Structure formats: C-alpha cells, structure tokens
Amino acid sequence: MVKAAVKTQVGTAEAAVAAKFFRGLGDPTRLRIVQLLLEGEKNVGELVSLIGAPQGRVSTHLACLRWCGFVSAHRQGRNVIYRLSDPRVRDLVILAQSIIIDNAKDIASCRIIK
C-alpha cells in the first residue's frame, strides 16, 4: 500500500516537472526564439531584430530558456551567441510543428487552453 502511494507521488512530481518543461516552450516569444535557433546560432541583437520585441524581453526569455536547458550560450568577442543546447529540442519542435499542421483547426478553436 505504501509503495503505491509513493509511486503515485513520484508520478505526480514527474508530471509536474514535465508540465513545467512544456510551459518553458508555452510562451510565444520563447517558442519563436527556439524556432529561430533551429536555423542556427544567433546573438541577442539578431533575435531582437527578427522577433521585433524589446531587447530586455528577449533577454528575459533567453534566461528562462537557458535555465530550463533548452538553449546554451557562449561568448564571441562582445557578443553572446545562443544555440539549442540539445538536438532533441530540435526534434521535439519539429515533431510539434508536424502535429500542429495536422491539427491546426482544432488547436486554434480550443477554448479551454488559451
């Protein structure tokens, strides 16, 4: 009986971490940053220009993405260059885009998830 309770708690904790993982990609700006990094490394200035958001907002989202392990950075002269930190992130985003294409109308009309 105790094992089942512990197992359920572990499952709940794992689900909470997984939900947090997906929330990391759940913001349109963060997802756009990841999509742009699919094309290759970019510095903050390039991302700001491509996204059209203020530098502070882009930097905050990059910090979140770094903290969660989606992106990594290295310094190149005066610039900090960002890239996807794990090739599985690329695979995940490409798979998600494929699923979205197949279900775009249903996803767009969903009233539960805003």
C-alpha atoms as a PDB file:
ATOM      1  CA  MET A   1       0.000   0.000   0.000  1.00  0.00           C
ATOM      2  CA  VAL A   2       2.808   2.409   0.862  1.00  0.00           C
ATOM      3  CA  LYS A   3       4.633   1.606  -2.392  1.00  0.00           C
ATOM      4  CA  ALA A   4       1.581   2.585  -4.444  1.00  0.00           C
ATOM      5  CA  ALA A   5       1.297   5.906  -2.605  1.00  0.00           C
ATOM      6  CA  VAL A   6       4.991   6.638  -3.135  1.00  0.00           C
ATOM      7  CA  LYS A   7       4.745   5.635  -6.791  1.00  0.00           C
ATOM      8  CA  THR A   8       1.764   7.951  -7.288  1.00  0.00           C
ATOM      9  CA  GLN A   9       3.626  10.810  -5.653  1.00  0.00           C
ATOM     10  CA  VAL A  10       6.660  10.201  -7.861  1.00  0.00           C
ATOM     11  CA  GLY A  11       4.381  10.104 -10.896  1.00  0.00           C
ATOM     12  CA  THR A  12       2.766  13.352  -9.805  1.00  0.00           C
ATOM     13  CA  ALA A  13       6.130  15.013  -9.293  1.00  0.00           C
ATOM     14  CA  GLU A  14       7.328  13.796 -12.674  1.00  0.00           C
ATOM     15  CA  ALA A  15       4.159  15.109 -14.302  1.00  0.00           C
ATOM     16  CA  ALA A  16       4.682  18.476 -12.618  1.00  0.00           C
ATOM     17  CA  VAL A  17       8.239  18.691 -13.940  1.00  0.00           C
ATOM     18  CA  ALA A  18       7.066  17.647 -17.425  1.00  0.00           C
ATOM     19  CA  ALA A  19       4.335  20.307 -17.349  1.00  0.00           C
ATOM     20  CA  LYS A  20       6.928  22.900 -16.335  1.00  0.00           C
ATOM     21  CA  PHE A  21       9.127  21.711 -19.219  1.00  0.00           C
ATOM     22  CA  PHE A  22       6.308  22.318 -21.700  1.00  0.00           C
ATOM     23  CA  ARG A  23       5.468  25.688 -20.133  1.00  0.00           C
ATOM     24  CA  GLY A  24       9.043  26.661 -20.978  1.00  0.00           C
ATOM     25  CA  LEU A  25       8.015  26.399 -24.619  1.00  0.00           C
ATOM     26  CA  GLY A  26       4.484  27.606 -23.938  1.00  0.00           C
ATOM     27  CA  ASP A  27       5.222  31.298 -24.382  1.00  0.00           C
ATOM     28  CA  PRO A  28       5.013  32.550 -27.994  1.00  0.00           C
ATOM     29  CA  THR A  29       8.211  34.602 -27.701  1.00  0.00           C
ATOM     30  CA  ARG A  30      10.194  31.733 -26.199  1.00  0.00           C
ATOM     31  CA  LEU A  31       8.900  29.342 -28.832  1.00  0.00           C
ATOM     32  CA  ARG A  32       9.770  31.821 -31.588  1.00  0.00           C
ATOM     33  CA  ILE A  33      13.310  32.104 -30.186  1.00  0.00           C
ATOM     34  CA  VAL A  34      13.675  28.320 -30.250  1.00  0.00           C
ATOM     35  CA  GLN A  35      12.283  28.185 -33.801  1.00  0.00           C
ATOM     36  CA  LEU A  36      14.798  30.805 -34.932  1.00  0.00           C
ATOM     37  CA  LEU A  37      17.613  28.880 -33.286  1.00  0.00           C
ATOM     38  CA  LEU A  38      16.595  25.832 -35.335  1.00  0.00           C
ATOM     39  CA  GLU A  39      18.134  27.770 -38.242  1.00  0.00           C
ATOM     40  CA  GLY A  40      21.444  28.223 -36.395  1.00  0.00           C
ATOM     41  CA  GLU A  41      23.200  30.240 -33.732  1.00  0.00           C
ATOM     42  CA  LYS A  42      22.120  33.842 -33.161  1.00  0.00           C
ATOM     43  CA  ASN A  43      23.105  36.685 -30.864  1.00  0.00           C
ATOM     44  CA  VAL A  44      20.631  38.773 -28.881  1.00  0.00           C
ATOM     45  CA  GLY A  45      20.660  41.608 -31.429  1.00  0.00           C
ATOM     46  CA  GLU A  46      19.736  39.236 -34.244  1.00  0.00           C
ATOM     47  CA  LEU A  47      16.935  37.712 -32.198  1.00  0.00           C
ATOM     48  CA  VAL A  48      15.603  41.155 -31.215  1.00  0.00           C
ATOM     49  CA  SER A  49      15.569  42.190 -34.865  1.00  0.00           C
ATOM     50  CA  LEU A  50      13.872  39.006 -36.066  1.00  0.00           C
ATOM     51  CA  ILE A  51      11.276  38.864 -33.291  1.00  0.00           C
ATOM     52  CA  GLY A  52      10.585  42.574 -33.069  1.00  0.00           C
ATOM     53  CA  ALA A  53      10.435  42.553 -29.276  1.00  0.00           C
ATOM     54  CA  PRO A  54      12.430  44.791 -26.949  1.00  0.00           C
ATOM     55  CA  GLN A  55      15.924  43.600 -26.032  1.00  0.00           C
ATOM     56  CA  GLY A  56      15.024  43.283 -22.350  1.00  0.00           C
ATOM     57  CA  ARG A  57      12.103  40.979 -23.091  1.00  0.00           C
ATOM     58  CA  VAL A  58      14.185  38.800 -25.429  1.00  0.00           C
ATOM     59  CA  SER A  59      16.972  38.593 -22.832  1.00  0.00           C
ATOM     60  CA  THR A  60      14.498  37.578 -20.121  1.00  0.00           C
ATOM     61  CA  HIS A  61      13.104  34.822 -22.327  1.00  0.00           C
ATOM     62  CA  LEU A  62      16.623  33.667 -23.202  1.00  0.00           C
ATOM     63  CA  ALA A  63      17.451  33.462 -19.496  1.00  0.00           C
ATOM     64  CA  CYS A  64      14.381  31.271 -18.958  1.00  0.00           C
ATOM     65  CA  LEU A  65      15.319  29.045 -21.892  1.00  0.00           C
ATOM     66  CA  ARG A  66      18.881  28.727 -20.568  1.00  0.00           C
ATOM     67  CA  TRP A  67      17.683  27.949 -17.053  1.00  0.00           C
ATOM     68  CA  CYS A  68      15.443  25.152 -18.372  1.00  0.00           C
ATOM     69  CA  GLY A  69      18.194  23.733 -20.578  1.00  0.00           C
ATOM     70  CA  PHE A  70      16.645  24.489 -23.970  1.00  0.00           C
ATOM     71  CA  VAL A  71      19.438  26.819 -25.097  1.00  0.00           C
ATOM     72  CA  SER A  72      23.056  27.420 -24.228  1.00  0.00           C
ATOM     73  CA  ALA A  73      25.327  30.369 -24.873  1.00  0.00           C
ATOM     74  CA  HIS A  74      28.950  31.177 -25.477  1.00  0.00           C
ATOM     75  CA  ARG A  75      30.778  34.461 -25.739  1.00  0.00           C
ATOM     76  CA  GLN A  76      32.258  35.508 -29.069  1.00  0.00           C
ATOM     77  CA  GLY A  77      34.029  38.810 -28.644  1.00  0.00           C
ATOM     78  CA  ARG A  78      31.468  41.262 -27.297  1.00  0.00           C
ATOM     79  CA  ASN A  79      28.513  39.102 -28.343  1.00  0.00           C
ATOM     80  CA  VAL A  80      26.813  36.253 -26.551  1.00  0.00           C
ATOM     81  CA  ILE A  81      25.808  33.632 -29.091  1.00  0.00           C
ATOM     82  CA  TYR A  82      22.829  31.371 -28.388  1.00  0.00           C
ATOM     83  CA  ARG A  83      22.142  27.912 -29.762  1.00  0.00           C
ATOM     84  CA  LEU A  84      19.910  24.972 -28.969  1.00  0.00           C
ATOM     85  CA  SER A  85      21.570  23.030 -26.187  1.00  0.00           C
ATOM     86  CA  ASP A  86      20.289  19.579 -27.072  1.00  0.00           C
ATOM     87  CA  PRO A  87      19.481  18.128 -30.504  1.00  0.00           C
ATOM     88  CA  ARG A  88      16.355  16.568 -29.001  1.00  0.00           C
ATOM     89  CA  VAL A  89      14.908  20.076 -28.596  1.00  0.00           C
ATOM     90  CA  ARG A  90      15.136  20.410 -32.393  1.00  0.00           C
ATOM     91  CA  ASP A  91      13.411  17.046 -32.819  1.00  0.00           C
ATOM     92  CA  LEU A  92      10.695  17.983 -30.329  1.00  0.00           C
ATOM     93  CA  VAL A  93       9.904  21.309 -32.002  1.00  0.00           C
ATOM     94  CA  ILE A  94       9.875  19.787 -35.492  1.00  0.00           C
ATOM     95  CA  LEU A  95       7.588  16.974 -34.313  1.00  0.00           C
ATOM     96  CA  ALA A  96       5.293  19.503 -32.607  1.00  0.00           C
ATOM     97  CA  GLN A  97       5.135  21.584 -35.791  1.00  0.00           C
ATOM     98  CA  SER A  98       4.090  18.472 -37.718  1.00  0.00           C
ATOM     99  CA  ILE A  99       1.347  17.676 -35.211  1.00  0.00           C
ATOM    100  CA  ILE A 100       0.196  21.303 -35.271  1.00  0.00           C
ATOM    101  CA  ILE A 101      -0.086  21.268 -39.070  1.00  0.00           C
ATOM    102  CA  ASP A 102      -2.269  18.158 -38.879  1.00  0.00           C
ATOM    103  CA  ASN A 103      -4.478  19.616 -36.128  1.00  0.00           C
ATOM    104  CA  ALA A 104      -4.288  23.382 -36.678  1.00  0.00           C
ATOM    105  CA  LYS A 105      -8.030  23.977 -36.937  1.00  0.00           C
ATOM    106  CA  ASP A 106      -8.796  22.028 -33.761  1.00  0.00           C
ATOM    107  CA  ILE A 107      -5.974  23.649 -31.822  1.00  0.00           C
ATOM    108  CA  ALA A 108      -6.990  27.141 -32.954  1.00  0.00           C
ATOM    109  CA  SER A 109     -10.608  26.555 -31.900  1.00  0.00           C
ATOM    110  CA  CYS A 110      -9.755  25.134 -28.455  1.00  0.00           C
ATOM    111  CA  ARG A 111     -11.424  27.286 -25.803  1.00  0.00           C
ATOM    112  CA  ILE A 112     -10.010  25.504 -22.786  1.00  0.00           C
ATOM    113  CA  ILE A 113      -6.337  26.302 -23.377  1.00  0.00           C
ATOM    114  CA  LYS A 114      -5.799  29.977 -24.096  1.00  0.00           C
END
